[in-house]
Amino acid sequence: MNRALSEFIEVQEKELQNIMNFWLLNTPDQKNGGFVGTIDSYGKVFEGTSKGAVLNARILWSFSAAYNYTGNKHYLEMADRAFQYFSKYFIDKKHGGVYWELSSDGKPINKRKQAYAQGFAVYGLSEYYRATGHEQSLLMAQELFWIIEKKFRDKTNGGYIEALDEKWMPLDDMRLSLKDANEPKSMNTHLHILEPYTNLYRCWKNPILGESIRGLIRVFLDKIIDTKTAHFNLFFAYKWEVKSTAVSYGHDVEGSWLLAEAAEVLGDKELMVEVNQMAIRMVDAALSEGTDCDGSLFNERDGEHLDTDKHWWPQAEAMIGYINAWQISGQAKYLDEAEKVWNFIDKKIIDHQNGEWFWRVDKEGNPYLNEDKAGFWKCPYHNTRAIIEICNRLKD
């Protein structure tokens, strides 16, 4: 490893420590157990806010992954805390699956079963198993895999539907969030089912799981990716009729490497070639259409309207996507782009005063200070994963 890469890794590892320390010191809920629901941009904890399945599953993944990378026992203690709380409160003991939302004291207040949340539970539980060898966490991840396959899989048209109610009955409103289209299928949910399935396959080589991963990759290649533009389409009807026009640059770069990772973990060399070719096209499209002059990634485009805000998570995912493109192609320009994104993160996204990363900044790099540092959707997963992923890749 040359000196420049070695120094880059050192900087990344220091930032990983900064992020994990923020969550370790500020987010444990000493009154109700688990982790607090909301911390504002200045670091103030809001008592009594609800606890989301996605945030808590991502906390479980993040501390487990950070422990796997560093061996820091404090991270393991937080992973244990996250596992104990998640398994006790978020799992529906009567009907199975994962509740969407709990009150601050752990009572289910939104019992809907979102496929996205089941997927992130698999992601966190499988990573915790990789960190600890805790058999119960693997069994829980396996059970949720079977639930996703049984309850959410569209056996007629392929892919997975968005949501069901507490008792696995259909819902009129299937949206993941208020800003999403009310359609039965989305790119986002499929991406975050592929991601945990890939992680689960690392520790459980079940052939049905392997075929589900292969099927998901084919859904992306054949249904979700617009092969002309190399962008993801975002929302779909049951038979895969496209129901959206927007482009999400962050999801494009994130998906480029998650698809490549899935094919590699699956060990399908022919599929790897096809996926890697598309991954390069997706990164090139994001670079040419969605990147500012400072290397940062804009949020999204819909028709002629470009949302020029720069959210924290697309910048993190861009670093991995570009480094993955460099590893596939051998072209140093992608490594240079990853460094440019990191420089933007360091200057504009990281809150060097109060810790963690701002949710987003405007085109000029001014942060929005009315948004969460920790919350229903703001978590330590994208940034910790980016650092761990790129350090592992650069050390190889």
Protein backbone atom coordinates (compact mmCIF):
# COMPACT_ATOMS: atom_id res chain seq x y z
CA MET A 1 0.00 0.00 0.00
CA ASN A 2 1.38 3.39 -0.93
CA ARG A 3 1.74 6.13 1.66
CA ALA A 4 -1.19 8.21 0.38
CA LEU A 5 -3.65 5.34 0.74
CA SER A 6 -2.24 4.44 4.14
CA GLU A 7 -2.76 8.00 5.36
CA PHE A 8 -6.25 8.05 3.87
CA ILE A 9 -7.14 4.91 5.84
CA GLU A 10 -5.81 6.46 9.06
CA VAL A 11 -8.04 9.50 8.56
CA GLN A 12 -11.05 7.28 7.89
CA GLU A 13 -10.43 5.17 10.97
CA LYS A 14 -10.22 8.27 13.13
CA GLU A 15 -13.57 9.45 11.78
CA LEU A 16 -15.08 6.02 12.44
CA GLN A 17 -14.04 6.40 16.07
CA ASN A 18 -15.57 9.89 16.19
CA ILE A 19 -18.90 8.66 14.83
CA MET A 20 -19.12 5.63 17.09
CA ASN A 21 -18.18 7.71 20.13
CA PHE A 22 -21.05 10.09 19.38
CA TRP A 23 -23.53 7.23 19.36
CA LEU A 24 -21.92 5.47 22.30
CA LEU A 25 -21.92 8.54 24.54
CA ASN A 26 -25.13 10.29 23.50
CA THR A 27 -27.74 7.79 22.38
CA PRO A 28 -28.24 5.07 25.06
CA ASP A 29 -31.65 5.57 26.67
CA GLN A 30 -30.84 5.26 30.37
CA LYS A 31 -34.50 5.58 31.39
CA ASN A 32 -36.28 3.16 29.04
CA GLY A 33 -33.50 0.96 27.69
CA GLY A 34 -32.21 0.71 24.17
CA PHE A 35 -31.50 4.01 22.44
CA VAL A 36 -33.16 7.41 22.37
CA GLY A 37 -35.45 8.29 19.50
CA THR A 38 -34.26 11.77 18.57
CA ILE A 39 -31.22 14.02 18.96
CA ASP A 40 -31.29 17.39 17.23
CA SER A 41 -28.57 19.03 15.18
CA TYR A 42 -27.01 20.61 18.26
CA GLY A 43 -26.88 17.35 20.23
CA LYS A 44 -29.97 17.90 22.40
CA VAL A 45 -31.84 14.69 23.30
CA PHE A 46 -35.64 14.86 22.93
CA GLU A 47 -37.23 12.78 25.66
CA GLY A 48 -40.30 10.71 24.90
CA THR A 49 -39.89 10.42 21.13
CA SER A 50 -40.75 7.13 19.45
CA LYS A 51 -38.28 4.44 18.44
CA GLY A 52 -38.17 3.19 14.87
CA ALA A 53 -37.33 -0.33 13.75
CA VAL A 54 -35.04 0.92 10.99
CA LEU A 55 -32.97 3.15 13.29
CA ASN A 56 -32.58 0.43 15.90
CA ALA A 57 -31.72 -2.29 13.39
CA ARG A 58 -29.13 0.03 11.87
CA ILE A 59 -27.67 0.78 15.31
CA LEU A 60 -27.37 -2.99 15.85
CA TRP A 61 -25.64 -3.37 12.49
CA SER A 62 -23.31 -0.40 13.05
CA PHE A 63 -21.97 -1.37 16.45
CA SER A 64 -21.63 -5.00 15.37
CA ALA A 65 -19.76 -4.02 12.21
CA ALA A 66 -17.57 -1.52 14.06
CA TYR A 67 -16.66 -4.22 16.56
CA ASN A 68 -15.92 -6.66 13.74
CA TYR A 69 -13.55 -4.11 12.22
CA THR A 70 -11.84 -2.70 15.33
CA GLY A 71 -12.26 -5.28 18.09
CA ASN A 72 -13.27 -2.42 20.43
CA LYS A 73 -15.12 -4.02 23.34
CA HIS A 74 -17.15 -0.86 23.99
CA TYR A 75 -18.74 -1.31 20.56
CA LEU A 76 -19.55 -4.91 21.41
CA GLU A 77 -21.27 -3.76 24.62
CA MET A 78 -23.45 -1.40 22.56
CA ALA A 79 -24.17 -4.15 20.02
CA ASP A 80 -25.27 -6.38 22.91
CA ARG A 81 -27.52 -3.60 24.19
CA ALA A 82 -29.03 -3.09 20.75
CA PHE A 83 -29.64 -6.82 20.28
CA GLN A 84 -31.27 -7.29 23.66
CA TYR A 85 -33.61 -4.35 23.14
CA PHE A 86 -34.48 -5.18 19.55
CA SER A 87 -35.20 -8.84 20.24
CA LYS A 88 -37.31 -8.02 23.31
CA TYR A 89 -39.41 -5.15 21.98
CA PHE A 90 -39.41 -4.97 18.18
CA ILE A 91 -40.22 -8.62 17.42
CA ASP A 92 -43.94 -9.39 17.26
CA LYS A 93 -44.15 -12.48 19.45
CA LYS A 94 -47.72 -13.27 18.39
CA HIS A 95 -47.77 -12.79 14.62
CA GLY A 96 -44.07 -12.75 13.80
CA GLY A 97 -42.01 -10.13 12.06
CA VAL A 98 -40.85 -6.71 13.15
CA TYR A 99 -43.02 -3.81 14.32
CA TRP A 100 -42.49 -0.51 12.54
CA GLU A 101 -42.51 1.82 15.55
CA LEU A 102 -42.52 1.76 19.35
CA SER A 103 -43.27 4.38 21.98
CA SER A 104 -40.34 5.67 24.00
CA ASP A 105 -41.06 3.04 26.67
CA GLY A 106 -41.17 0.15 24.22
CA LYS A 107 -44.86 -0.31 23.44
CA PRO A 108 -45.79 -0.91 19.79
CA ILE A 109 -47.61 2.12 18.40
CA ASN A 110 -47.39 1.25 14.70
CA LYS A 111 -47.64 -2.49 14.17
CA ARG A 112 -47.49 -2.50 10.37
CA LYS A 113 -45.02 -4.90 8.80
CA GLN A 114 -42.86 -3.05 6.29
CA ALA A 115 -40.65 -5.30 4.14
CA TYR A 116 -37.91 -2.67 4.42
CA ALA A 117 -37.85 -3.02 8.22
CA GLN A 118 -37.80 -6.82 8.08
CA GLY A 119 -34.79 -6.51 5.77
CA PHE A 120 -32.87 -4.22 8.07
CA ALA A 121 -33.59 -6.52 10.99
CA VAL A 122 -31.98 -9.35 9.00
CA TYR A 123 -29.02 -7.06 8.28
CA GLY A 124 -28.45 -6.13 11.92
CA LEU A 125 -29.05 -9.63 13.30
CA SER A 126 -26.76 -11.31 10.78
CA GLU A 127 -23.97 -8.80 11.45
CA TYR A 128 -24.40 -9.34 15.20
CA TYR A 129 -24.03 -13.08 14.60
CA ARG A 130 -20.85 -12.43 12.61
CA ALA A 131 -19.54 -10.38 15.53
CA THR A 132 -20.50 -12.74 18.34
CA GLY A 133 -21.48 -16.17 17.03
CA HIS A 134 -24.70 -15.68 19.02
CA GLU A 135 -26.89 -18.51 17.74
CA GLN A 136 -30.19 -16.83 18.63
CA SER A 137 -29.45 -13.85 16.42
CA LEU A 138 -28.80 -16.13 13.44
CA LEU A 139 -32.00 -18.06 14.10
CA MET A 140 -33.95 -14.78 14.26
CA ALA A 141 -32.40 -13.59 10.98
CA GLN A 142 -33.28 -16.89 9.34
CA GLU A 143 -36.86 -16.71 10.58
CA LEU A 144 -37.24 -13.20 9.17
CA PHE A 145 -35.83 -14.39 5.85
CA TRP A 146 -38.55 -17.04 5.64
CA ILE A 147 -41.17 -14.45 6.59
CA ILE A 148 -40.04 -12.09 3.82
CA GLU A 149 -40.13 -14.95 1.32
CA LYS A 150 -43.55 -16.17 2.43
CA LYS A 151 -45.35 -12.91 3.10
CA PHE A 152 -43.82 -10.30 0.79
CA ARG A 153 -42.59 -12.16 -2.27
CA ASP A 154 -44.67 -11.73 -5.42
CA LYS A 155 -44.61 -15.27 -6.77
CA THR A 156 -46.50 -14.26 -9.92
CA ASN A 157 -44.62 -11.19 -11.12
CA GLY A 158 -41.36 -11.43 -9.19
CA GLY A 159 -39.89 -9.16 -6.56
CA TYR A 160 -41.36 -8.12 -3.22
CA ILE A 161 -44.29 -5.95 -2.15
CA GLU A 162 -43.88 -3.05 0.25
CA ALA A 163 -46.01 -3.61 3.33
CA LEU A 164 -48.71 -5.58 5.15
CA ASP A 165 -50.57 -4.99 8.38
CA GLU A 166 -49.84 -6.51 11.77
CA LYS A 167 -51.58 -9.78 10.82
CA TRP A 168 -50.08 -9.92 7.31
CA MET A 169 -53.18 -8.60 5.57
CA PRO A 170 -53.10 -6.10 2.66
CA LEU A 171 -52.83 -2.36 3.28
CA ASP A 172 -54.27 0.49 1.23
CA ASP A 173 -51.31 2.72 2.08
CA MET A 174 -48.05 0.84 1.51
CA ARG A 175 -45.68 3.82 1.57
CA LEU A 176 -42.37 3.61 3.36
CA SER A 177 -42.56 7.34 4.15
CA LEU A 178 -44.80 10.27 3.34
CA LYS A 179 -42.54 11.44 0.52
CA ASP A 180 -42.81 8.11 -1.33
CA ALA A 181 -45.33 7.07 -3.96
CA ASN A 182 -48.07 4.71 -2.78
CA GLU A 183 -47.12 1.85 -5.09
CA PRO A 184 -46.76 -1.86 -4.28
CA LYS A 185 -43.09 -2.10 -5.26
CA SER A 186 -40.06 0.16 -4.95
CA MET A 187 -36.41 0.15 -5.83
CA ASN A 188 -35.52 1.15 -2.27
CA THR A 189 -37.15 -1.83 -0.60
CA HIS A 190 -35.63 -4.27 -3.11
CA LEU A 191 -32.18 -2.78 -2.57
CA HIS A 192 -32.51 -3.19 1.18
CA ILE A 193 -33.68 -6.74 0.90
CA LEU A 194 -30.76 -7.62 -1.37
CA GLU A 195 -28.30 -6.05 1.07
CA PRO A 196 -29.30 -8.12 4.17
CA TYR A 197 -29.75 -11.29 2.13
CA THR A 198 -26.15 -10.90 0.96
CA ASN A 199 -24.94 -10.44 4.53
CA LEU A 200 -26.96 -13.42 5.76
CA TYR A 201 -25.52 -15.58 2.97
CA ARG A 202 -22.04 -14.89 4.31
CA CYS A 203 -22.89 -16.94 7.40
CA TRP A 204 -25.66 -19.22 6.11
CA LYS A 205 -25.12 -20.78 2.68
CA ASN A 206 -28.72 -21.85 2.28
CA PRO A 207 -29.43 -22.66 -1.41
CA ILE A 208 -32.90 -21.07 -1.30
CA LEU A 209 -31.36 -17.88 0.07
CA GLY A 210 -28.78 -18.04 -2.72
CA GLU A 211 -31.50 -18.34 -5.35
CA SER A 212 -33.38 -15.42 -3.79
CA ILE A 213 -30.23 -13.28 -4.08
CA ARG A 214 -29.79 -14.32 -7.69
CA GLY A 215 -33.45 -13.53 -8.36
CA LEU A 216 -33.10 -10.08 -6.79
CA ILE A 217 -30.07 -9.28 -8.92
CA ARG A 218 -32.02 -10.27 -12.02
CA VAL A 219 -34.95 -8.09 -10.93
CA PHE A 220 -32.57 -5.13 -10.77
CA LEU A 221 -30.95 -5.88 -14.11
CA ASP A 222 -34.19 -6.70 -15.92
CA LYS A 223 -36.84 -4.55 -14.21
CA ILE A 224 -35.50 -1.77 -12.00
CA ILE A 225 -32.52 -0.34 -13.89
CA ASP A 226 -33.30 1.76 -16.94
CA THR A 227 -30.81 0.20 -19.33
CA LYS A 228 -30.74 3.32 -21.53
CA THR A 229 -29.85 5.78 -18.77
CA ALA A 230 -28.22 3.43 -16.21
CA HIS A 231 -30.41 4.96 -13.48
CA PHE A 232 -32.77 3.19 -11.14
CA ASN A 233 -36.47 3.61 -11.69
CA LEU A 234 -37.95 4.16 -8.23
CA PHE A 235 -41.57 2.95 -8.04
CA PHE A 236 -43.57 0.25 -9.78
CA ALA A 237 -46.99 -1.38 -10.07
CA TYR A 238 -47.35 -5.11 -9.45
CA LYS A 239 -46.39 -6.04 -13.02
CA TRP A 240 -43.38 -3.67 -12.98
CA GLU A 241 -44.99 -0.79 -14.83
CA VAL A 242 -42.80 2.21 -13.96
CA LYS A 243 -44.61 4.75 -11.77
CA SER A 244 -41.93 7.39 -11.26
CA THR A 245 -39.76 9.81 -13.20
CA ALA A 246 -37.21 10.93 -10.58
CA VAL A 247 -33.55 9.92 -10.43
CA SER A 248 -31.91 9.37 -7.03
CA TYR A 249 -28.16 9.75 -7.45
CA GLY A 250 -27.38 8.42 -3.99
CA HIS A 251 -29.32 5.23 -4.60
CA ASP A 252 -27.65 4.79 -7.99
CA VAL A 253 -24.13 4.82 -6.54
CA GLU A 254 -25.19 2.77 -3.51
CA GLY A 255 -26.87 0.20 -5.71
CA SER A 256 -23.88 -0.04 -8.03
CA TRP A 257 -21.68 -1.51 -5.31
CA LEU A 258 -24.38 -3.46 -3.45
CA LEU A 259 -25.24 -5.33 -6.65
CA ALA A 260 -21.57 -6.05 -7.30
CA GLU A 261 -21.14 -7.23 -3.71
CA ALA A 262 -24.14 -9.55 -3.96
CA ALA A 263 -22.89 -11.21 -7.15
CA GLU A 264 -19.42 -11.63 -5.64
CA VAL A 265 -20.69 -13.14 -2.38
CA LEU A 266 -22.91 -15.43 -4.41
CA GLY A 267 -19.82 -16.56 -6.33
CA ASP A 268 -21.49 -16.37 -9.75
CA LYS A 269 -18.67 -15.22 -12.05
CA GLU A 270 -20.85 -14.82 -15.12
CA LEU A 271 -23.30 -12.67 -13.18
CA MET A 272 -20.40 -10.69 -11.71
CA VAL A 273 -19.28 -9.66 -15.19
CA GLU A 274 -22.77 -8.46 -16.11
CA VAL A 275 -23.26 -6.62 -12.84
CA ASN A 276 -19.81 -5.01 -12.87
CA GLN A 277 -20.39 -3.63 -16.36
CA MET A 278 -23.65 -2.06 -15.20
CA ALA A 279 -22.04 -0.78 -12.00
CA ILE A 280 -19.53 1.23 -14.04
CA ARG A 281 -22.33 2.66 -16.18
CA MET A 282 -24.32 3.66 -13.08
CA VAL A 283 -21.33 5.40 -11.49
CA ASP A 284 -20.46 7.17 -14.73
CA ALA A 285 -24.05 8.42 -15.04
CA ALA A 286 -24.04 9.75 -11.49
CA LEU A 287 -20.68 11.44 -12.03
CA SER A 288 -21.69 13.11 -15.29
CA GLU A 289 -25.21 14.17 -14.29
CA GLY A 290 -25.40 14.43 -10.51
CA THR A 291 -22.04 15.73 -9.31
CA ASP A 292 -21.17 19.29 -8.37
CA CYS A 293 -17.81 20.86 -9.21
CA ASP A 294 -16.51 20.10 -5.71
CA GLY A 295 -17.14 16.37 -6.16
CA SER A 296 -20.25 16.24 -3.96
CA LEU A 297 -23.41 14.45 -5.06
CA PHE A 298 -26.71 16.25 -5.54
CA ASN A 299 -29.81 14.65 -4.05
CA GLU A 300 -32.03 13.92 -7.05
CA ARG A 301 -33.48 15.09 -10.34
CA ASP A 302 -37.08 14.91 -11.54
CA GLY A 303 -37.47 16.10 -15.10
CA GLU A 304 -35.88 19.51 -15.38
CA HIS A 305 -35.85 20.09 -11.62
CA LEU A 306 -32.53 19.37 -9.90
CA ASP A 307 -32.57 19.14 -6.10
CA THR A 308 -29.16 20.63 -5.34
CA ASP A 309 -29.15 19.80 -1.63
CA LYS A 310 -26.43 17.37 -0.56
CA HIS A 311 -27.59 14.80 1.97
CA TRP A 312 -25.14 12.98 4.21
CA TRP A 313 -25.80 9.46 3.02
CA PRO A 314 -25.27 9.84 -0.77
CA GLN A 315 -21.82 11.29 -0.08
CA ALA A 316 -20.95 8.25 2.05
CA GLU A 317 -22.28 5.82 -0.54
CA ALA A 318 -20.47 7.66 -3.33
CA MET A 319 -17.11 6.93 -1.69
CA ILE A 320 -17.79 3.19 -1.80
CA GLY A 321 -19.33 3.28 -5.27
CA TYR A 322 -16.33 5.10 -6.72
CA ILE A 323 -13.79 2.86 -5.02
CA ASN A 324 -15.70 -0.18 -6.25
CA ALA A 325 -15.59 1.26 -9.79
CA TRP A 326 -11.83 1.79 -9.40
CA GLN A 327 -11.37 -1.82 -8.29
CA ILE A 328 -13.43 -3.11 -11.21
CA SER A 329 -11.86 -0.94 -13.90
CA GLY A 330 -8.40 -0.10 -12.57
CA GLN A 331 -9.00 3.52 -13.60
CA ALA A 332 -7.47 5.95 -11.08
CA LYS A 333 -10.05 8.64 -11.89
CA TYR A 334 -12.58 6.87 -9.68
CA LEU A 335 -10.19 6.86 -6.74
CA ASP A 336 -9.67 10.57 -7.29
CA GLU A 337 -13.44 11.10 -7.20
CA ALA A 338 -13.69 9.20 -3.91
CA GLU A 339 -11.06 11.49 -2.42
CA LYS A 340 -12.95 14.56 -3.66
CA VAL A 341 -16.13 13.35 -2.00
CA TRP A 342 -14.27 12.71 1.23
CA ASN A 343 -12.81 16.23 1.17
CA PHE A 344 -16.34 17.61 0.79
CA ILE A 345 -17.59 15.44 3.65
CA ASP A 346 -14.76 16.59 5.88
CA LYS A 347 -15.29 20.28 5.10
CA LYS A 348 -19.09 20.49 4.91
CA ILE A 349 -20.90 17.38 6.16
CA ILE A 350 -19.05 16.48 9.37
CA ASP A 351 -20.08 18.61 12.32
CA HIS A 352 -16.66 19.11 13.89
CA GLN A 353 -18.17 21.09 16.77
CA ASN A 354 -21.09 18.94 17.94
CA GLY A 355 -20.14 15.60 16.45
CA GLU A 356 -21.58 13.22 13.81
CA TRP A 357 -22.66 14.40 10.34
CA PHE A 358 -25.24 16.99 9.33
CA TRP A 359 -28.32 15.56 7.65
CA ARG A 360 -27.79 17.78 4.60
CA VAL A 361 -26.30 21.01 3.36
CA ASP A 362 -27.40 23.34 0.57
CA LYS A 363 -25.55 23.84 -2.70
CA GLU A 364 -23.17 26.30 -1.04
CA GLY A 365 -22.45 23.87 1.80
CA ASN A 366 -24.52 25.57 4.50
CA PRO A 367 -26.03 23.00 6.89
CA TYR A 368 -29.73 22.74 7.66
CA LEU A 369 -29.74 23.01 11.46
CA ASN A 370 -33.38 22.05 12.02
CA GLU A 371 -32.85 18.36 11.24
CA ASP A 372 -31.86 15.33 13.31
CA LYS A 373 -28.42 14.02 14.18
CA ALA A 374 -30.18 10.87 15.36
CA GLY A 375 -33.75 10.04 14.53
CA PHE A 376 -36.23 7.81 12.77
CA TRP A 377 -34.13 7.94 9.58
CA LYS A 378 -30.85 9.51 10.73
CA CYS A 379 -28.53 6.77 11.85
CA PRO A 380 -24.87 5.68 12.05
CA TYR A 381 -25.20 3.15 9.26
CA HIS A 382 -24.30 4.89 5.98
CA ASN A 383 -21.23 6.71 7.26
CA THR A 384 -19.82 3.90 9.42
CA ARG A 385 -20.39 1.40 6.64
CA ALA A 386 -18.67 3.62 4.09
CA ILE A 387 -15.58 3.93 6.26
CA ILE A 388 -15.41 0.24 7.16
CA GLU A 389 -16.06 -0.82 3.58
CA ILE A 390 -13.48 1.41 1.93
CA CYS A 391 -10.81 0.68 4.57
CA ASN A 392 -11.29 -3.05 4.08
CA ARG A 393 -11.10 -2.63 0.31
CA LEU A 394 -8.00 -0.44 0.41
CA LYS A 395 -6.22 -2.78 2.78
CA ASP A 396 -6.70 -5.78 0.46
